[in-house]
Amino acid sequence: MLFRSVDVFSRAGAKVGSVELPAVFSSPVNEALIHQSVVSQLAGRRTGTHATKKRGAVRGGGRKPWKQKGTGRARQGSTRSPQWKGGGVVFGPQPRSHEIPFPKRMRRAALLGALSAKVPTLKVVDLLGVETPKTKLIASMCGALGAGKRVLVVAPVVGSALVKSAANIPGLEVLRADSLNVVDLVNADTIIMEQAALATIQEVYG
């Protein structure tokens, strides 16, 4: 696949030039592999702390409710058996890891494929230039570039000013160019990338 050339915009949305995308943006797109990567990443985010008490962990139930024979009722050994109110839970969830092993080479191939698939939504900005926290600056830039509801901003260096400026904008995520992941790439309707981040992506993932 040939390398693609895209327009470069200013923060005001004006075209200021063009740039040829690095080789990583021309990687094969394997949708099945990208799906596996998304499933693995989301599974790894689960804490796995869900837990229920078995009958041995529920308080009480030490005395037999009634004698074994002669009452006409079914025999019972404890009021903490699963069929009793307040009893233990049968086969309930227990703390465990939800991690799904995903080989490094497959994870890298999925990431490069996601980058290539998202080229049509890519908006390259010559310079973000956020030196002081100002939400209006990022919001106006997204509007000028015609960004969708879910926006991913990628910069070579993410400072506190950029993070604070984007914090109050729903659906907007900020990532460093060397810390990309498949889930955020796939979720984004628009990717706004600082031009300097292209070289970082090629260096890290190329």
N, C-alpha and C. Protein backbone atom coordinates (compact mmCIF):
# COMPACT_ATOMS: atom_id res chain seq x y z
N MET A 1 0.85 -1.19 0.00
CA MET A 1 0.00 0.00 0.00
C MET A 1 0.89 1.25 0.00
N LEU A 2 0.56 2.21 -0.82
CA LEU A 2 1.36 3.43 -0.92
C LEU A 2 1.10 4.34 0.27
N PHE A 3 2.11 5.13 0.60
CA PHE A 3 1.95 6.12 1.68
C PHE A 3 0.95 7.17 1.22
N ARG A 4 0.21 7.69 2.18
CA ARG A 4 -0.82 8.67 1.85
C ARG A 4 -0.42 10.06 2.30
N SER A 5 -0.82 11.04 1.55
CA SER A 5 -0.56 12.43 1.88
C SER A 5 -1.85 13.06 2.39
N VAL A 6 -1.75 13.82 3.49
CA VAL A 6 -2.93 14.45 4.08
C VAL A 6 -2.64 15.94 4.26
N ASP A 7 -3.71 16.70 4.37
CA ASP A 7 -3.59 18.14 4.57
C ASP A 7 -3.19 18.44 6.01
N VAL A 8 -2.51 19.56 6.18
CA VAL A 8 -2.14 20.05 7.50
C VAL A 8 -2.92 21.34 7.75
N PHE A 9 -3.55 21.42 8.93
CA PHE A 9 -4.39 22.57 9.25
C PHE A 9 -3.81 23.34 10.43
N SER A 10 -4.23 24.58 10.55
CA SER A 10 -3.95 25.36 11.74
C SER A 10 -5.05 25.10 12.76
N ARG A 11 -4.89 25.62 13.97
CA ARG A 11 -5.94 25.44 14.98
C ARG A 11 -7.23 26.11 14.57
N ALA A 12 -7.14 27.10 13.69
CA ALA A 12 -8.34 27.80 13.23
C ALA A 12 -9.05 27.08 12.10
N GLY A 13 -8.47 25.94 11.66
CA GLY A 13 -9.11 25.16 10.61
C GLY A 13 -8.66 25.52 9.21
N ALA A 14 -7.69 26.42 9.07
CA ALA A 14 -7.20 26.83 7.75
C ALA A 14 -6.12 25.86 7.28
N LYS A 15 -6.15 25.50 6.01
CA LYS A 15 -5.14 24.62 5.45
C LYS A 15 -3.83 25.38 5.29
N VAL A 16 -2.75 24.80 5.84
CA VAL A 16 -1.45 25.47 5.79
C VAL A 16 -0.41 24.65 5.04
N GLY A 17 -0.81 23.49 4.53
CA GLY A 17 0.13 22.66 3.79
C GLY A 17 -0.32 21.22 3.75
N SER A 18 0.59 20.33 3.46
CA SER A 18 0.30 18.90 3.42
C SER A 18 1.52 18.14 3.91
N VAL A 19 1.31 16.90 4.30
CA VAL A 19 2.40 16.08 4.80
C VAL A 19 2.15 14.63 4.39
N GLU A 20 3.22 13.92 4.11
CA GLU A 20 3.12 12.50 3.77
C GLU A 20 3.16 11.69 5.04
N LEU A 21 2.18 10.81 5.20
CA LEU A 21 2.11 10.01 6.42
C LEU A 21 3.22 8.97 6.44
N PRO A 22 3.73 8.64 7.62
CA PRO A 22 4.76 7.60 7.74
C PRO A 22 4.25 6.23 7.28
N ALA A 23 5.18 5.31 7.14
CA ALA A 23 4.85 3.97 6.62
C ALA A 23 3.86 3.22 7.49
N VAL A 24 3.85 3.51 8.80
CA VAL A 24 2.96 2.75 9.69
C VAL A 24 1.49 3.00 9.37
N PHE A 25 1.19 4.10 8.71
CA PHE A 25 -0.20 4.40 8.37
C PHE A 25 -0.65 3.68 7.10
N SER A 26 0.24 2.86 6.53
CA SER A 26 -0.11 2.07 5.35
C SER A 26 -0.08 0.58 5.67
N SER A 27 -0.27 0.23 6.93
CA SER A 27 -0.23 -1.17 7.35
C SER A 27 -1.52 -1.88 6.97
N PRO A 28 -1.46 -3.22 6.82
CA PRO A 28 -2.68 -3.99 6.52
C PRO A 28 -3.71 -3.86 7.64
N VAL A 29 -4.97 -3.81 7.27
CA VAL A 29 -6.07 -3.70 8.24
C VAL A 29 -6.74 -5.06 8.39
N ASN A 30 -6.55 -5.68 9.54
CA ASN A 30 -7.16 -6.97 9.84
C ASN A 30 -8.26 -6.73 10.89
N GLU A 31 -9.51 -6.66 10.45
CA GLU A 31 -10.61 -6.32 11.35
C GLU A 31 -10.76 -7.34 12.47
N ALA A 32 -10.58 -8.62 12.15
CA ALA A 32 -10.72 -9.66 13.17
C ALA A 32 -9.65 -9.49 14.25
N LEU A 33 -8.44 -9.15 13.84
CA LEU A 33 -7.35 -8.95 14.80
C LEU A 33 -7.61 -7.71 15.66
N ILE A 34 -8.13 -6.66 15.04
CA ILE A 34 -8.46 -5.45 15.80
C ILE A 34 -9.54 -5.76 16.83
N HIS A 35 -10.52 -6.55 16.44
CA HIS A 35 -11.59 -6.94 17.37
C HIS A 35 -11.02 -7.72 18.55
N GLN A 36 -10.12 -8.67 18.28
CA GLN A 36 -9.51 -9.43 19.36
C GLN A 36 -8.73 -8.52 20.30
N SER A 37 -8.05 -7.53 19.74
CA SER A 37 -7.29 -6.60 20.57
C SER A 37 -8.21 -5.77 21.46
N VAL A 38 -9.34 -5.33 20.92
CA VAL A 38 -10.30 -4.55 21.71
C VAL A 38 -10.85 -5.40 22.85
N VAL A 39 -11.23 -6.64 22.55
CA VAL A 39 -11.77 -7.52 23.58
C VAL A 39 -10.73 -7.76 24.68
N SER A 40 -9.48 -8.00 24.27
CA SER A 40 -8.42 -8.25 25.25
C SER A 40 -8.16 -7.02 26.12
N GLN A 41 -8.14 -5.85 25.50
CA GLN A 41 -7.86 -4.63 26.26
C GLN A 41 -8.98 -4.31 27.24
N LEU A 42 -10.23 -4.44 26.79
CA LEU A 42 -11.35 -4.15 27.69
C LEU A 42 -11.43 -5.17 28.82
N ALA A 43 -11.09 -6.42 28.52
CA ALA A 43 -11.10 -7.44 29.57
C ALA A 43 -10.03 -7.14 30.61
N GLY A 44 -8.90 -6.62 30.17
CA GLY A 44 -7.83 -6.28 31.11
C GLY A 44 -8.16 -5.13 32.02
N ARG A 45 -9.14 -4.30 31.62
CA ARG A 45 -9.54 -3.16 32.45
C ARG A 45 -10.45 -3.58 33.60
N ARG A 46 -11.01 -4.78 33.54
CA ARG A 46 -11.91 -5.23 34.60
C ARG A 46 -11.12 -5.52 35.87
N THR A 47 -11.64 -5.08 36.99
CA THR A 47 -10.93 -5.26 38.25
C THR A 47 -11.01 -6.70 38.76
N GLY A 48 -12.10 -7.39 38.45
CA GLY A 48 -12.24 -8.77 38.89
C GLY A 48 -12.42 -8.91 40.38
N THR A 49 -12.98 -7.90 41.03
CA THR A 49 -13.15 -7.94 42.49
C THR A 49 -14.55 -8.39 42.91
N HIS A 50 -15.37 -8.81 41.96
CA HIS A 50 -16.72 -9.26 42.30
C HIS A 50 -16.64 -10.52 43.16
N ALA A 51 -17.50 -10.60 44.17
CA ALA A 51 -17.45 -11.75 45.07
C ALA A 51 -18.79 -11.95 45.76
N THR A 52 -19.15 -13.21 45.95
CA THR A 52 -20.32 -13.57 46.76
C THR A 52 -19.85 -14.54 47.85
N LYS A 53 -20.64 -14.63 48.91
CA LYS A 53 -20.29 -15.50 50.03
C LYS A 53 -20.91 -16.89 49.86
N LYS A 54 -20.07 -17.88 49.98
CA LYS A 54 -20.58 -19.24 50.01
C LYS A 54 -21.13 -19.54 51.40
N ARG A 55 -21.76 -20.70 51.56
CA ARG A 55 -22.42 -20.98 52.83
C ARG A 55 -21.42 -21.03 53.98
N GLY A 56 -20.18 -21.33 53.69
CA GLY A 56 -19.17 -21.37 54.73
C GLY A 56 -18.72 -20.00 55.20
N ALA A 57 -19.01 -18.98 54.39
CA ALA A 57 -18.56 -17.62 54.74
C ALA A 57 -19.68 -16.76 55.31
N VAL A 58 -20.93 -17.26 55.26
CA VAL A 58 -22.06 -16.49 55.78
C VAL A 58 -22.16 -16.68 57.29
N ARG A 59 -22.45 -15.59 57.99
CA ARG A 59 -22.49 -15.64 59.44
C ARG A 59 -23.76 -16.35 59.91
N GLY A 60 -23.62 -17.14 60.96
CA GLY A 60 -24.78 -17.80 61.57
C GLY A 60 -24.97 -19.21 61.03
N GLY A 61 -26.11 -19.78 61.38
CA GLY A 61 -26.47 -21.10 60.87
C GLY A 61 -25.80 -22.26 61.56
N GLY A 62 -25.24 -22.02 62.75
CA GLY A 62 -24.53 -23.11 63.41
C GLY A 62 -25.45 -24.15 64.04
N ARG A 63 -26.62 -23.72 64.46
CA ARG A 63 -27.54 -24.66 65.13
C ARG A 63 -28.52 -25.23 64.11
N LYS A 64 -28.84 -26.49 64.26
CA LYS A 64 -29.81 -27.14 63.39
C LYS A 64 -31.19 -26.52 63.64
N PRO A 65 -31.90 -26.10 62.57
CA PRO A 65 -33.18 -25.38 62.75
C PRO A 65 -34.22 -26.17 63.54
N TRP A 66 -34.34 -27.42 63.23
CA TRP A 66 -35.24 -28.31 63.97
C TRP A 66 -34.70 -29.73 63.91
N LYS A 67 -35.29 -30.58 64.72
CA LYS A 67 -34.75 -31.93 64.79
C LYS A 67 -34.94 -32.65 63.46
N GLN A 68 -34.16 -33.70 63.27
CA GLN A 68 -34.12 -34.39 61.98
C GLN A 68 -35.45 -35.05 61.65
N LYS A 69 -36.10 -35.68 62.63
CA LYS A 69 -37.32 -36.45 62.35
C LYS A 69 -38.47 -36.01 63.27
N GLY A 70 -39.67 -36.34 62.82
CA GLY A 70 -40.83 -36.15 63.68
C GLY A 70 -41.59 -34.86 63.48
N THR A 71 -41.07 -33.91 62.72
CA THR A 71 -41.78 -32.63 62.56
C THR A 71 -42.68 -32.62 61.33
N GLY A 72 -42.44 -33.52 60.42
CA GLY A 72 -43.21 -33.52 59.17
C GLY A 72 -42.62 -32.58 58.12
N ARG A 73 -41.64 -31.81 58.49
CA ARG A 73 -41.01 -30.89 57.55
C ARG A 73 -39.74 -31.51 56.97
N ALA A 74 -39.28 -30.92 55.89
CA ALA A 74 -38.06 -31.42 55.26
C ALA A 74 -36.88 -31.22 56.20
N ARG A 75 -35.96 -32.15 56.15
CA ARG A 75 -34.79 -32.06 57.03
C ARG A 75 -33.91 -30.89 56.60
N GLN A 76 -33.42 -30.18 57.60
CA GLN A 76 -32.56 -29.02 57.38
C GLN A 76 -31.40 -29.08 58.36
N GLY A 77 -30.21 -28.77 57.86
CA GLY A 77 -29.05 -28.80 58.73
C GLY A 77 -28.55 -27.42 59.13
N SER A 78 -28.95 -26.39 58.36
CA SER A 78 -28.46 -25.05 58.65
C SER A 78 -29.37 -24.02 58.01
N THR A 79 -29.52 -22.88 58.66
CA THR A 79 -30.32 -21.79 58.08
C THR A 79 -29.49 -20.97 57.09
N ARG A 80 -28.27 -21.38 56.87
CA ARG A 80 -27.43 -20.67 55.91
C ARG A 80 -27.20 -21.51 54.65
N SER A 81 -28.02 -22.53 54.46
CA SER A 81 -28.01 -23.27 53.21
C SER A 81 -28.52 -22.38 52.09
N PRO A 82 -28.17 -22.64 50.86
CA PRO A 82 -28.53 -21.74 49.75
C PRO A 82 -30.03 -21.49 49.60
N GLN A 83 -30.87 -22.45 49.98
CA GLN A 83 -32.31 -22.25 49.78
C GLN A 83 -32.95 -21.35 50.83
N TRP A 84 -32.20 -20.98 51.87
CA TRP A 84 -32.73 -20.12 52.92
C TRP A 84 -32.42 -18.65 52.62
N LYS A 85 -33.33 -17.79 53.06
CA LYS A 85 -33.05 -16.37 52.99
C LYS A 85 -31.86 -16.04 53.88
N GLY A 86 -30.90 -15.31 53.32
CA GLY A 86 -29.69 -15.02 54.07
C GLY A 86 -28.65 -16.11 53.98
N GLY A 87 -28.95 -17.14 53.19
CA GLY A 87 -28.00 -18.23 53.04
C GLY A 87 -26.90 -17.92 52.04
N GLY A 88 -25.99 -18.87 51.89
CA GLY A 88 -24.89 -18.69 50.96
C GLY A 88 -25.35 -18.77 49.51
N VAL A 89 -24.47 -18.35 48.60
CA VAL A 89 -24.76 -18.34 47.17
C VAL A 89 -24.03 -19.51 46.52
N VAL A 90 -24.75 -20.21 45.65
CA VAL A 90 -24.16 -21.35 44.95
C VAL A 90 -23.54 -20.89 43.63
N PHE A 91 -22.30 -21.23 43.41
CA PHE A 91 -21.60 -20.93 42.16
C PHE A 91 -21.61 -19.43 41.83
N GLY A 92 -21.56 -18.59 42.86
CA GLY A 92 -21.52 -17.15 42.63
C GLY A 92 -20.14 -16.71 42.17
N PRO A 93 -20.03 -15.48 41.65
CA PRO A 93 -18.73 -14.99 41.18
C PRO A 93 -17.73 -14.84 42.31
N GLN A 94 -16.48 -15.12 42.01
CA GLN A 94 -15.39 -14.99 42.96
C GLN A 94 -14.28 -14.15 42.34
N PRO A 95 -13.46 -13.50 43.15
CA PRO A 95 -12.38 -12.66 42.59
C PRO A 95 -11.49 -13.46 41.64
N ARG A 96 -11.25 -12.89 40.47
CA ARG A 96 -10.39 -13.55 39.49
C ARG A 96 -9.91 -12.52 38.47
N SER A 97 -8.92 -12.90 37.72
CA SER A 97 -8.40 -12.04 36.67
C SER A 97 -9.16 -12.31 35.37
N HIS A 98 -9.56 -11.24 34.69
CA HIS A 98 -10.25 -11.38 33.41
C HIS A 98 -9.30 -11.20 32.22
N GLU A 99 -8.02 -11.13 32.52
CA GLU A 99 -7.03 -10.86 31.47
C GLU A 99 -7.05 -11.95 30.40
N ILE A 100 -7.03 -11.51 29.14
CA ILE A 100 -6.96 -12.43 28.00
C ILE A 100 -5.58 -12.26 27.36
N PRO A 101 -4.77 -13.30 27.40
CA PRO A 101 -3.42 -13.18 26.81
C PRO A 101 -3.49 -12.78 25.34
N PHE A 102 -2.64 -11.84 24.97
CA PHE A 102 -2.62 -11.35 23.59
C PHE A 102 -1.16 -11.11 23.21
N PRO A 103 -0.60 -11.90 22.30
CA PRO A 103 0.82 -11.78 21.95
C PRO A 103 1.20 -10.37 21.50
N LYS A 104 2.42 -9.99 21.80
CA LYS A 104 2.91 -8.65 21.51
C LYS A 104 2.86 -8.35 20.01
N ARG A 105 3.23 -9.30 19.18
CA ARG A 105 3.24 -9.07 17.73
C ARG A 105 1.82 -8.85 17.20
N MET A 106 0.85 -9.59 17.74
CA MET A 106 -0.53 -9.43 17.33
C MET A 106 -1.08 -8.08 17.80
N ARG A 107 -0.69 -7.69 19.03
CA ARG A 107 -1.14 -6.40 19.56
C ARG A 107 -0.60 -5.24 18.72
N ARG A 108 0.65 -5.36 18.31
CA ARG A 108 1.26 -4.32 17.48
C ARG A 108 0.59 -4.27 16.11
N ALA A 109 0.34 -5.45 15.52
CA ALA A 109 -0.31 -5.48 14.20
C ALA A 109 -1.71 -4.89 14.26
N ALA A 110 -2.43 -5.14 15.36
CA ALA A 110 -3.78 -4.59 15.51
C ALA A 110 -3.73 -3.07 15.64
N LEU A 111 -2.75 -2.56 16.37
CA LEU A 111 -2.61 -1.12 16.55
C LEU A 111 -2.30 -0.43 15.23
N LEU A 112 -1.38 -1.00 14.46
CA LEU A 112 -1.02 -0.40 13.18
C LEU A 112 -2.19 -0.47 12.21
N GLY A 113 -2.94 -1.58 12.27
CA GLY A 113 -4.12 -1.69 11.42
C GLY A 113 -5.18 -0.66 11.78
N ALA A 114 -5.35 -0.41 13.08
CA ALA A 114 -6.31 0.60 13.52
C ALA A 114 -5.89 1.99 13.07
N LEU A 115 -4.58 2.28 13.14
CA LEU A 115 -4.07 3.56 12.66
C LEU A 115 -4.37 3.75 11.18
N SER A 116 -4.12 2.71 10.40
CA SER A 116 -4.35 2.80 8.96
C SER A 116 -5.84 2.97 8.64
N ALA A 117 -6.69 2.26 9.39
CA ALA A 117 -8.12 2.34 9.13
C ALA A 117 -8.69 3.71 9.48
N LYS A 118 -8.02 4.42 10.39
CA LYS A 118 -8.53 5.71 10.84
C LYS A 118 -7.97 6.90 10.07
N VAL A 119 -7.19 6.65 9.04
CA VAL A 119 -6.63 7.75 8.25
C VAL A 119 -7.72 8.67 7.69
N PRO A 120 -8.86 8.16 7.21
CA PRO A 120 -9.91 9.07 6.70
C PRO A 120 -10.44 10.04 7.74
N THR A 121 -10.30 9.72 9.01
CA THR A 121 -10.80 10.60 10.08
C THR A 121 -9.70 11.47 10.67
N LEU A 122 -8.50 11.38 10.12
CA LEU A 122 -7.33 12.05 10.69
C LEU A 122 -7.28 13.52 10.29
N LYS A 123 -7.06 14.39 11.28
CA LYS A 123 -6.85 15.82 11.05
C LYS A 123 -5.49 16.19 11.64
N VAL A 124 -4.55 16.53 10.79
CA VAL A 124 -3.21 16.89 11.26
C VAL A 124 -3.14 18.40 11.47
N VAL A 125 -2.70 18.79 12.67
CA VAL A 125 -2.59 20.20 13.03
C VAL A 125 -1.11 20.55 13.14
N ASP A 126 -0.73 21.69 12.59
CA ASP A 126 0.69 22.06 12.61
C ASP A 126 1.23 22.22 14.02
N LEU A 127 0.44 22.81 14.92
CA LEU A 127 0.88 23.00 16.30
C LEU A 127 -0.33 23.20 17.21
N LEU A 128 -0.40 22.41 18.27
CA LEU A 128 -1.49 22.59 19.24
C LEU A 128 -1.25 23.84 20.07
N GLY A 129 -0.04 24.02 20.56
CA GLY A 129 0.33 25.25 21.25
C GLY A 129 -0.53 25.63 22.43
N VAL A 130 -0.84 24.65 23.29
CA VAL A 130 -1.63 24.94 24.50
C VAL A 130 -0.66 25.15 25.65
N GLU A 131 -0.46 26.40 26.02
CA GLU A 131 0.50 26.73 27.07
C GLU A 131 -0.17 26.98 28.41
N THR A 132 -1.42 27.45 28.37
CA THR A 132 -2.17 27.65 29.60
C THR A 132 -3.52 26.95 29.48
N PRO A 133 -4.06 26.42 30.58
CA PRO A 133 -5.34 25.71 30.51
C PRO A 133 -6.47 26.61 30.02
N LYS A 134 -7.08 26.21 28.93
CA LYS A 134 -8.19 26.99 28.38
C LYS A 134 -9.07 26.07 27.54
N THR A 135 -10.19 25.67 28.11
CA THR A 135 -11.09 24.74 27.43
C THR A 135 -11.62 25.32 26.13
N LYS A 136 -11.88 26.60 26.11
CA LYS A 136 -12.42 27.24 24.91
C LYS A 136 -11.50 27.07 23.71
N LEU A 137 -10.20 27.03 23.96
CA LEU A 137 -9.22 26.89 22.88
C LEU A 137 -9.36 25.54 22.17
N ILE A 138 -9.47 24.47 22.96
CA ILE A 138 -9.61 23.13 22.39
C ILE A 138 -10.97 22.97 21.74
N ALA A 139 -12.01 23.50 22.39
CA ALA A 139 -13.36 23.38 21.84
C ALA A 139 -13.48 24.09 20.50
N SER A 140 -12.89 25.29 20.41
CA SER A 140 -12.96 26.02 19.15
C SER A 140 -12.16 25.32 18.05
N MET A 141 -11.06 24.69 18.42
CA MET A 141 -10.27 23.95 17.44
C MET A 141 -11.05 22.76 16.90
N CYS A 142 -11.72 22.05 17.79
CA CYS A 142 -12.53 20.90 17.35
C CYS A 142 -13.65 21.35 16.41
N GLY A 143 -14.27 22.49 16.73
CA GLY A 143 -15.32 23.01 15.87
C GLY A 143 -14.80 23.44 14.51
N ALA A 144 -13.62 24.10 14.51
CA ALA A 144 -13.05 24.57 13.25
C ALA A 144 -12.63 23.43 12.34
N LEU A 145 -12.23 22.31 12.94
CA LEU A 145 -11.80 21.16 12.15
C LEU A 145 -12.94 20.22 11.80
N GLY A 146 -14.15 20.54 12.26
CA GLY A 146 -15.30 19.70 11.96
C GLY A 146 -15.24 18.34 12.63
N ALA A 147 -14.72 18.30 13.85
CA ALA A 147 -14.58 17.04 14.58
C ALA A 147 -15.93 16.49 15.00
N GLY A 148 -15.99 15.17 15.15
CA GLY A 148 -17.22 14.51 15.58
C GLY A 148 -17.40 14.59 17.09
N LYS A 149 -18.31 13.77 17.61
CA LYS A 149 -18.62 13.80 19.04
C LYS A 149 -17.50 13.19 19.87
N ARG A 150 -16.86 12.16 19.33
CA ARG A 150 -15.79 11.49 20.06
C ARG A 150 -14.46 11.83 19.38
N VAL A 151 -13.61 12.54 20.10
CA VAL A 151 -12.39 13.07 19.52
C VAL A 151 -11.19 12.55 20.30
N LEU A 152 -10.16 12.16 19.57
CA LEU A 152 -8.91 11.74 20.18
C LEU A 152 -7.82 12.72 19.75
N VAL A 153 -7.21 13.39 20.72
CA VAL A 153 -6.13 14.33 20.45
C VAL A 153 -4.81 13.64 20.75
N VAL A 154 -3.93 13.62 19.77
CA VAL A 154 -2.63 12.95 19.92
C VAL A 154 -1.52 13.99 19.79
N ALA A 155 -0.65 14.03 20.78
CA ALA A 155 0.45 14.99 20.79
C ALA A 155 1.74 14.27 21.18
N PRO A 156 2.89 14.74 20.71
CA PRO A 156 4.16 14.10 21.10
C PRO A 156 4.43 14.21 22.59
N VAL A 157 4.02 15.33 23.18
CA VAL A 157 4.16 15.55 24.62
C VAL A 157 2.83 16.09 25.15
N VAL A 158 2.33 15.47 26.19
CA VAL A 158 1.05 15.90 26.78
C VAL A 158 1.33 16.59 28.11
N GLY A 159 1.20 17.91 28.12
CA GLY A 159 1.42 18.67 29.34
C GLY A 159 0.14 18.84 30.14
N SER A 160 0.29 19.35 31.35
CA SER A 160 -0.87 19.53 32.22
C SER A 160 -1.85 20.55 31.64
N ALA A 161 -1.35 21.54 30.91
CA ALA A 161 -2.23 22.55 30.32
C ALA A 161 -3.17 21.93 29.30
N LEU A 162 -2.65 21.02 28.48
CA LEU A 162 -3.49 20.35 27.48
C LEU A 162 -4.50 19.43 28.14
N VAL A 163 -4.07 18.70 29.15
CA VAL A 163 -4.97 17.78 29.86
C VAL A 163 -6.11 18.55 30.52
N LYS A 164 -5.79 19.66 31.19
CA LYS A 164 -6.81 20.45 31.87
C LYS A 164 -7.74 21.13 30.87
N SER A 165 -7.21 21.53 29.73
CA SER A 165 -8.04 22.18 28.72
C SER A 165 -9.06 21.23 28.13
N ALA A 166 -8.71 19.94 28.06
CA ALA A 166 -9.61 18.96 27.45
C ALA A 166 -10.49 18.24 28.47
N ALA A 167 -10.23 18.46 29.76
CA ALA A 167 -10.90 17.67 30.80
C ALA A 167 -12.41 17.86 30.82
N ASN A 168 -12.89 19.06 30.49
CA ASN A 168 -14.32 19.36 30.61
C ASN A 168 -15.08 19.20 29.30
N ILE A 169 -14.44 18.61 28.29
CA ILE A 169 -15.11 18.42 27.00
C ILE A 169 -15.55 16.96 26.90
N PRO A 170 -16.85 16.69 26.90
CA PRO A 170 -17.32 15.29 26.83
C PRO A 170 -16.87 14.61 25.53
N GLY A 171 -16.45 13.37 25.67
CA GLY A 171 -16.09 12.59 24.50
C GLY A 171 -14.73 12.87 23.93
N LEU A 172 -13.91 13.67 24.63
CA LEU A 172 -12.58 14.02 24.13
C LEU A 172 -11.51 13.37 25.00
N GLU A 173 -10.60 12.65 24.34
CA GLU A 173 -9.49 12.00 25.02
C GLU A 173 -8.17 12.57 24.50
N VAL A 174 -7.18 12.59 25.37
CA VAL A 174 -5.85 13.07 25.01
C VAL A 174 -4.84 11.96 25.28
N LEU A 175 -4.01 11.66 24.27
CA LEU A 175 -3.00 10.62 24.41
C LEU A 175 -1.65 11.11 23.89
N ARG A 176 -0.59 10.58 24.47
CA ARG A 176 0.74 10.82 23.92
C ARG A 176 0.93 9.92 22.70
N ALA A 177 1.76 10.36 21.79
CA ALA A 177 1.97 9.61 20.55
C ALA A 177 2.61 8.26 20.80
N ASP A 178 3.35 8.11 21.88
CA ASP A 178 3.99 6.83 22.17
C ASP A 178 3.16 5.95 23.09
N SER A 179 1.90 6.34 23.34
CA SER A 179 1.04 5.57 24.25
C SER A 179 -0.32 5.30 23.62
N LEU A 180 -0.36 5.06 22.34
CA LEU A 180 -1.63 4.81 21.65
C LEU A 180 -2.17 3.43 22.02
N ASN A 181 -3.48 3.28 21.91
CA ASN A 181 -4.10 1.97 22.13
C ASN A 181 -5.27 1.81 21.18
N VAL A 182 -5.61 0.56 20.90
CA VAL A 182 -6.61 0.25 19.88
C VAL A 182 -8.00 0.74 20.27
N VAL A 183 -8.38 0.61 21.53
CA VAL A 183 -9.73 0.98 21.96
C VAL A 183 -10.00 2.46 21.70
N ASP A 184 -9.09 3.33 22.10
CA ASP A 184 -9.29 4.77 21.91
C ASP A 184 -9.27 5.14 20.43
N LEU A 185 -8.44 4.45 19.64
CA LEU A 185 -8.41 4.72 18.20
C LEU A 185 -9.73 4.32 17.55
N VAL A 186 -10.23 3.15 17.89
CA VAL A 186 -11.47 2.66 17.29
C VAL A 186 -12.67 3.51 17.71
N ASN A 187 -12.68 3.96 18.96
CA ASN A 187 -13.82 4.73 19.47
C ASN A 187 -13.91 6.13 18.87
N ALA A 188 -12.79 6.67 18.42
CA ALA A 188 -12.75 8.06 18.00
C ALA A 188 -13.45 8.27 16.65
N ASP A 189 -14.30 9.28 16.60
CA ASP A 189 -14.89 9.71 15.32
C ASP A 189 -13.90 10.55 14.53
N THR A 190 -13.07 11.30 15.26
CA THR A 190 -12.06 12.17 14.65
C THR A 190 -10.78 12.08 15.46
N ILE A 191 -9.65 11.98 14.77
CA ILE A 191 -8.35 11.99 15.43
C ILE A 191 -7.64 13.28 15.04
N ILE A 192 -7.37 14.12 16.02
CA ILE A 192 -6.62 15.36 15.81
C ILE A 192 -5.19 15.12 16.28
N MET A 193 -4.26 15.21 15.35
CA MET A 193 -2.88 14.85 15.65
C MET A 193 -1.94 16.01 15.34
N GLU A 194 -1.11 16.34 16.31
CA GLU A 194 -0.09 17.35 16.05
C GLU A 194 0.94 16.79 15.06
N GLN A 195 1.39 17.61 14.15
CA GLN A 195 2.28 17.15 13.09
C GLN A 195 3.54 16.48 13.63
N ALA A 196 4.08 17.01 14.70
CA ALA A 196 5.29 16.44 15.28
C ALA A 196 5.07 15.03 15.82
N ALA A 197 3.80 14.67 16.08
CA ALA A 197 3.52 13.34 16.61
C ALA A 197 3.70 12.25 15.55
N LEU A 198 3.64 12.63 14.27
CA LEU A 198 3.80 11.64 13.20
C LEU A 198 5.17 10.98 13.26
N ALA A 199 6.20 11.78 13.47
CA ALA A 199 7.56 11.24 13.55
C ALA A 199 7.71 10.34 14.77
N THR A 200 7.08 10.73 15.89
CA THR A 200 7.15 9.91 17.10
C THR A 200 6.49 8.56 16.88
N ILE A 201 5.34 8.56 16.21
CA ILE A 201 4.62 7.31 15.95
C ILE A 201 5.46 6.39 15.06
N GLN A 202 6.08 6.95 14.04
CA GLN A 202 6.92 6.14 13.16
C GLN A 202 8.11 5.57 13.92
N GLU A 203 8.67 6.37 14.81
CA GLU A 203 9.84 5.91 15.58
C GLU A 203 9.48 4.82 16.56
N VAL A 204 8.34 4.95 17.21
CA VAL A 204 7.95 4.01 18.26
C VAL A 204 7.36 2.73 17.68
N TYR A 205 6.50 2.87 16.67
CA TYR A 205 5.76 1.70 16.16
C TYR A 205 6.27 1.20 14.80
N GLY A 206 7.19 1.93 14.19
CA GLY A 206 7.65 1.55 12.86
C GLY A 206 8.62 0.37 12.87
